[in-house]
Amino acid sequence: MTKISAALPADLHSRLVDRAREADRSVSAELRVAIREHVAAQPANGKREPKKKEPR
């Protein structure tokens, strides 16, 4: 396993901690699950749909 260091906004960290508690796992394990789910949701070719710009 490779270790990384990441800076998260306080509100995102708080939500991650809450989700980890609800799932009865560590914050590190919850982060792995979230990343794994995000990566799995991406197309196999690695190309993402462009973000749609919000009207101003």
PDB file of N, CA and C in Angstrom:
ATOM      1  N   MET A   1       0.854  -1.170   0.000  1.00  0.00           N
ATOM      2  CA  MET A   1       0.000   0.000   0.000  1.00  0.00           C
ATOM      3  C   MET A   1       0.902   1.235   0.000  1.00  0.00           C
ATOM      4  N   THR A   2       0.509   2.239  -0.746  1.00  0.00           N
ATOM      5  CA  THR A   2       1.248   3.487  -0.823  1.00  0.00           C
ATOM      6  C   THR A   2       0.603   4.509   0.095  1.00  0.00           C
ATOM      7  N   LYS A   3       1.411   5.212   0.854  1.00  0.00           N
ATOM      8  CA  LYS A   3       0.891   6.263   1.734  1.00  0.00           C
ATOM      9  C   LYS A   3       0.965   7.590   1.007  1.00  0.00           C
ATOM     10  N   ILE A   4      -0.064   8.419   1.230  1.00  0.00           N
ATOM     11  CA  ILE A   4      -0.072   9.775   0.680  1.00  0.00           C
ATOM     12  C   ILE A   4      -0.472  10.740   1.790  1.00  0.00           C
ATOM     13  N   SER A   5      -0.206  11.990   1.555  1.00  0.00           N
ATOM     14  CA  SER A   5      -0.618  13.035   2.474  1.00  0.00           C
ATOM     15  C   SER A   5      -1.491  13.997   1.675  1.00  0.00           C
ATOM     16  N   ALA A   6      -2.612  14.388   2.258  1.00  0.00           N
ATOM     17  CA  ALA A   6      -3.510  15.297   1.555  1.00  0.00           C
ATOM     18  C   ALA A   6      -4.080  16.313   2.526  1.00  0.00           C
ATOM     19  N   ALA A   7      -4.248  17.523   2.041  1.00  0.00           N
ATOM     20  CA  ALA A   7      -4.883  18.571   2.838  1.00  0.00           C
ATOM     21  C   ALA A   7      -6.344  18.647   2.420  1.00  0.00           C
ATOM     22  N   LEU A   8      -7.246  18.586   3.396  1.00  0.00           N
ATOM     23  CA  LEU A   8      -8.678  18.651   3.130  1.00  0.00           C
ATOM     24  C   LEU A   8      -9.281  19.861   3.825  1.00  0.00           C
ATOM     25  N   PRO A   9     -10.271  20.490   3.187  1.00  0.00           N
ATOM     26  CA  PRO A   9     -10.990  21.552   3.886  1.00  0.00           C
ATOM     27  C   PRO A   9     -11.664  20.956   5.131  1.00  0.00           C
ATOM     28  N   ALA A  10     -11.795  21.742   6.170  1.00  0.00           N
ATOM     29  CA  ALA A  10     -12.346  21.265   7.441  1.00  0.00           C
ATOM     30  C   ALA A  10     -13.729  20.644   7.276  1.00  0.00           C
ATOM     31  N   ASP A  11     -14.587  21.250   6.442  1.00  0.00           N
ATOM     32  CA  ASP A  11     -15.939  20.705   6.278  1.00  0.00           C
ATOM     33  C   ASP A  11     -15.925  19.342   5.593  1.00  0.00           C
ATOM     34  N   LEU A  12     -15.027  19.142   4.635  1.00  0.00           N
ATOM     35  CA  LEU A  12     -14.918  17.846   3.958  1.00  0.00           C
ATOM     36  C   LEU A  12     -14.389  16.786   4.922  1.00  0.00           C
ATOM     37  N   HIS A  13     -13.411  17.157   5.709  1.00  0.00           N
ATOM     38  CA  HIS A  13     -12.868  16.224   6.705  1.00  0.00           C
ATOM     39  C   HIS A  13     -13.947  15.811   7.700  1.00  0.00           C
ATOM     40  N   SER A  14     -14.725  16.770   8.145  1.00  0.00           N
ATOM     41  CA  SER A  14     -15.801  16.498   9.089  1.00  0.00           C
ATOM     42  C   SER A  14     -16.819  15.520   8.498  1.00  0.00           C
ATOM     43  N   ARG A  15     -17.194  15.735   7.256  1.00  0.00           N
ATOM     44  CA  ARG A  15     -18.141  14.826   6.588  1.00  0.00           C
ATOM     45  C   ARG A  15     -17.543  13.436   6.435  1.00  0.00           C
ATOM     46  N   LEU A  16     -16.251  13.373   6.135  1.00  0.00           N
ATOM     47  CA  LEU A  16     -15.567  12.086   6.002  1.00  0.00           C
ATOM     48  C   LEU A  16     -15.545  11.344   7.336  1.00  0.00           C
ATOM     49  N   VAL A  17     -15.275  12.057   8.411  1.00  0.00           N
ATOM     50  CA  VAL A  17     -15.285  11.460   9.752  1.00  0.00           C
ATOM     51  C   VAL A  17     -16.678  10.926  10.083  1.00  0.00           C
ATOM     52  N   ASP A  18     -17.709  11.707   9.779  1.00  0.00           N
ATOM     53  CA  ASP A  18     -19.089  11.266  10.039  1.00  0.00           C
ATOM     54  C   ASP A  18     -19.418   9.999   9.264  1.00  0.00           C
ATOM     55  N   ARG A  19     -19.059   9.972   7.986  1.00  0.00           N
ATOM     56  CA  ARG A  19     -19.331   8.783   7.160  1.00  0.00           C
ATOM     57  C   ARG A  19     -18.578   7.569   7.678  1.00  0.00           C
ATOM     58  N   ALA A  20     -17.340   7.775   8.114  1.00  0.00           N
ATOM     59  CA  ALA A  20     -16.541   6.664   8.637  1.00  0.00           C
ATOM     60  C   ALA A  20     -17.192   6.097   9.906  1.00  0.00           C
ATOM     61  N   ARG A  21     -17.648   6.973  10.784  1.00  0.00           N
ATOM     62  CA  ARG A  21     -18.321   6.514  12.013  1.00  0.00           C
ATOM     63  C   ARG A  21     -19.575   5.707  11.684  1.00  0.00           C
ATOM     64  N   GLU A  22     -20.371   6.231  10.749  1.00  0.00           N
ATOM     65  CA  GLU A  22     -21.609   5.551  10.354  1.00  0.00           C
ATOM     66  C   GLU A  22     -21.334   4.165   9.771  1.00  0.00           C
ATOM     67  N   ALA A  23     -20.220   4.027   9.067  1.00  0.00           N
ATOM     68  CA  ALA A  23     -19.866   2.760   8.429  1.00  0.00           C
ATOM     69  C   ALA A  23     -19.008   1.875   9.335  1.00  0.00           C
ATOM     70  N   ASP A  24     -18.707   2.370  10.539  1.00  0.00           N
ATOM     71  CA  ASP A  24     -17.880   1.647  11.508  1.00  0.00           C
ATOM     72  C   ASP A  24     -16.524   1.263  10.919  1.00  0.00           C
ATOM     73  N   ARG A  25     -15.861   2.266  10.320  1.00  0.00           N
ATOM     74  CA  ARG A  25     -14.513   2.048   9.806  1.00  0.00           C
ATOM     75  C   ARG A  25     -13.673   3.291  10.043  1.00  0.00           C
ATOM     76  N   SER A  26     -12.382   3.158   9.828  1.00  0.00           N
ATOM     77  CA  SER A  26     -11.467   4.281  10.041  1.00  0.00           C
ATOM     78  C   SER A  26     -11.663   5.327   8.942  1.00  0.00           C
ATOM     79  N   VAL A  27     -11.178   6.517   9.211  1.00  0.00           N
ATOM     80  CA  VAL A  27     -11.241   7.585   8.211  1.00  0.00           C
ATOM     81  C   VAL A  27     -10.428   7.168   6.986  1.00  0.00           C
ATOM     82  N   SER A  28      -9.295   6.539   7.206  1.00  0.00           N
ATOM     83  CA  SER A  28      -8.466   6.080   6.098  1.00  0.00           C
ATOM     84  C   SER A  28      -9.218   5.068   5.233  1.00  0.00           C
ATOM     85  N   ALA A  29      -9.894   4.121   5.862  1.00  0.00           N
ATOM     86  CA  ALA A  29     -10.667   3.122   5.117  1.00  0.00           C
ATOM     87  C   ALA A  29     -11.821   3.788   4.375  1.00  0.00           C
ATOM     88  N   GLU A  30     -12.473   4.744   5.000  1.00  0.00           N
ATOM     89  CA  GLU A  30     -13.582   5.445   4.353  1.00  0.00           C
ATOM     90  C   GLU A  30     -13.087   6.229   3.146  1.00  0.00           C
ATOM     91  N   LEU A  31     -11.931   6.837   3.269  1.00  0.00           N
ATOM     92  CA  LEU A  31     -11.343   7.578   2.157  1.00  0.00           C
ATOM     93  C   LEU A  31     -11.019   6.634   1.000  1.00  0.00           C
ATOM     94  N   ARG A  32     -10.485   5.451   1.305  1.00  0.00           N
ATOM     95  CA  ARG A  32     -10.206   4.467   0.248  1.00  0.00           C
ATOM     96  C   ARG A  32     -11.496   4.064  -0.465  1.00  0.00           C
ATOM     97  N   VAL A  33     -12.562   3.842   0.294  1.00  0.00           N
ATOM     98  CA  VAL A  33     -13.853   3.467  -0.305  1.00  0.00           C
ATOM     99  C   VAL A  33     -14.345   4.589  -1.218  1.00  0.00           C
ATOM    100  N   ALA A  34     -14.296   5.822  -0.745  1.00  0.00           N
ATOM    101  CA  ALA A  34     -14.785   6.961  -1.529  1.00  0.00           C
ATOM    102  C   ALA A  34     -13.981   7.120  -2.820  1.00  0.00           C
ATOM    103  N   ILE A  35     -12.676   6.991  -2.727  1.00  0.00           N
ATOM    104  CA  ILE A  35     -11.835   7.114  -3.920  1.00  0.00           C
ATOM    105  C   ILE A  35     -12.105   5.962  -4.876  1.00  0.00           C
ATOM    106  N   ARG A  36     -12.191   4.747  -4.336  1.00  0.00           N
ATOM    107  CA  ARG A  36     -12.455   3.573  -5.173  1.00  0.00           C
ATOM    108  C   ARG A  36     -13.788   3.739  -5.919  1.00  0.00           C
ATOM    109  N   GLU A  37     -14.830   4.200  -5.232  1.00  0.00           N
ATOM    110  CA  GLU A  37     -16.135   4.394  -5.867  1.00  0.00           C
ATOM    111  C   GLU A  37     -16.076   5.483  -6.936  1.00  0.00           C
ATOM    112  N   HIS A  38     -15.359   6.545  -6.642  1.00  0.00           N
ATOM    113  CA  HIS A  38     -15.235   7.641  -7.608  1.00  0.00           C
ATOM    114  C   HIS A  38     -14.513   7.168  -8.864  1.00  0.00           C
ATOM    115  N   VAL A  39     -13.408   6.464  -8.684  1.00  0.00           N
ATOM    116  CA  VAL A  39     -12.633   5.981  -9.830  1.00  0.00           C
ATOM    117  C   VAL A  39     -13.440   4.972 -10.638  1.00  0.00           C
ATOM    118  N   ALA A  40     -14.176   4.099  -9.970  1.00  0.00           N
ATOM    119  CA  ALA A  40     -14.985   3.093 -10.661  1.00  0.00           C
ATOM    120  C   ALA A  40     -16.092   3.741 -11.493  1.00  0.00           C
ATOM    121  N   ALA A  41     -16.545   4.910 -11.097  1.00  0.00           N
ATOM    122  CA  ALA A  41     -17.623   5.593 -11.809  1.00  0.00           C
ATOM    123  C   ALA A  41     -17.136   6.294 -13.074  1.00  0.00           C
ATOM    124  N   GLN A  42     -15.827   6.370 -13.253  1.00  0.00           N
ATOM    125  CA  GLN A  42     -15.273   7.039 -14.424  1.00  0.00           C
ATOM    126  C   GLN A  42     -15.281   6.095 -15.621  1.00  0.00           C
ATOM    127  N   PRO A  43     -15.407   6.629 -16.834  1.00  0.00           N
ATOM    128  CA  PRO A  43     -15.362   5.785 -18.025  1.00  0.00           C
ATOM    129  C   PRO A  43     -14.025   5.042 -18.127  1.00  0.00           C
ATOM    130  N   ALA A  44     -14.055   3.876 -18.740  1.00  0.00           N
ATOM    131  CA  ALA A  44     -12.854   3.041 -18.859  1.00  0.00           C
ATOM    132  C   ALA A  44     -11.741   3.721 -19.644  1.00  0.00           C
ATOM    133  N   ASN A  45     -12.093   4.603 -20.576  1.00  0.00           N
ATOM    134  CA  ASN A  45     -11.067   5.264 -21.377  1.00  0.00           C
ATOM    135  C   ASN A  45     -10.404   6.422 -20.646  1.00  0.00           C
ATOM    136  N   GLY A  46     -10.852   6.694 -19.445  1.00  0.00           N
ATOM    137  CA  GLY A  46     -10.251   7.754 -18.645  1.00  0.00           C
ATOM    138  C   GLY A  46     -10.719   9.154 -19.002  1.00  0.00           C
ATOM    139  N   LYS A  47     -11.535   9.254 -20.032  1.00  0.00           N
ATOM    140  CA  LYS A  47     -12.017  10.577 -20.439  1.00  0.00           C
ATOM    141  C   LYS A  47     -13.327  10.868 -19.738  1.00  0.00           C
ATOM    142  N   ARG A  48     -13.394  12.043 -19.136  1.00  0.00           N
ATOM    143  CA  ARG A  48     -14.619  12.457 -18.439  1.00  0.00           C
ATOM    144  C   ARG A  48     -15.392  13.414 -19.306  1.00  0.00           C
ATOM    145  N   GLU A  49     -16.678  13.449 -19.056  1.00  0.00           N
ATOM    146  CA  GLU A  49     -17.514  14.437 -19.728  1.00  0.00           C
ATOM    147  C   GLU A  49     -17.135  15.815 -19.197  1.00  0.00           C
ATOM    148  N   PRO A  50     -17.072  16.818 -20.063  1.00  0.00           N
ATOM    149  CA  PRO A  50     -16.762  18.160 -19.562  1.00  0.00           C
ATOM    150  C   PRO A  50     -17.854  18.653 -18.617  1.00  0.00           C
ATOM    151  N   LYS A  51     -17.427  19.410 -17.623  1.00  0.00           N
ATOM    152  CA  LYS A  51     -18.395  19.979 -16.688  1.00  0.00           C
ATOM    153  C   LYS A  51     -19.232  21.024 -17.417  1.00  0.00           C
ATOM    154  N   LYS A  52     -20.529  21.019 -17.105  1.00  0.00           N
ATOM    155  CA  LYS A  52     -21.403  22.015 -17.679  1.00  0.00           C
ATOM    156  C   LYS A  52     -21.291  23.290 -16.865  1.00  0.00           C
ATOM    157  N   LYS A  53     -21.133  24.398 -17.569  1.00  0.00           N
ATOM    158  CA  LYS A  53     -21.025  25.688 -16.896  1.00  0.00           C
ATOM    159  C   LYS A  53     -22.396  26.148 -16.434  1.00  0.00           C
ATOM    160  N   GLU A  54     -22.426  26.614 -15.211  1.00  0.00           N
ATOM    161  CA  GLU A  54     -23.669  27.154 -14.662  1.00  0.00           C
ATOM    162  C   GLU A  54     -23.933  28.524 -15.264  1.00  0.00           C
ATOM    163  N   PRO A  55     -25.191  28.817 -15.610  1.00  0.00           N
ATOM    164  CA  PRO A  55     -25.492  30.165 -16.112  1.00  0.00           C
ATOM    165  C   PRO A  55     -25.295  31.187 -15.009  1.00  0.00           C
ATOM    166  N   ARG A  56     -24.830  32.347 -15.393  1.00  0.00           N
ATOM    167  CA  ARG A  56     -24.579  33.394 -14.396  1.00  0.00           C
ATOM    168  C   ARG A  56     -25.746  34.297 -14.251  1.00  0.00           C
TER     169      ARG A  56
END
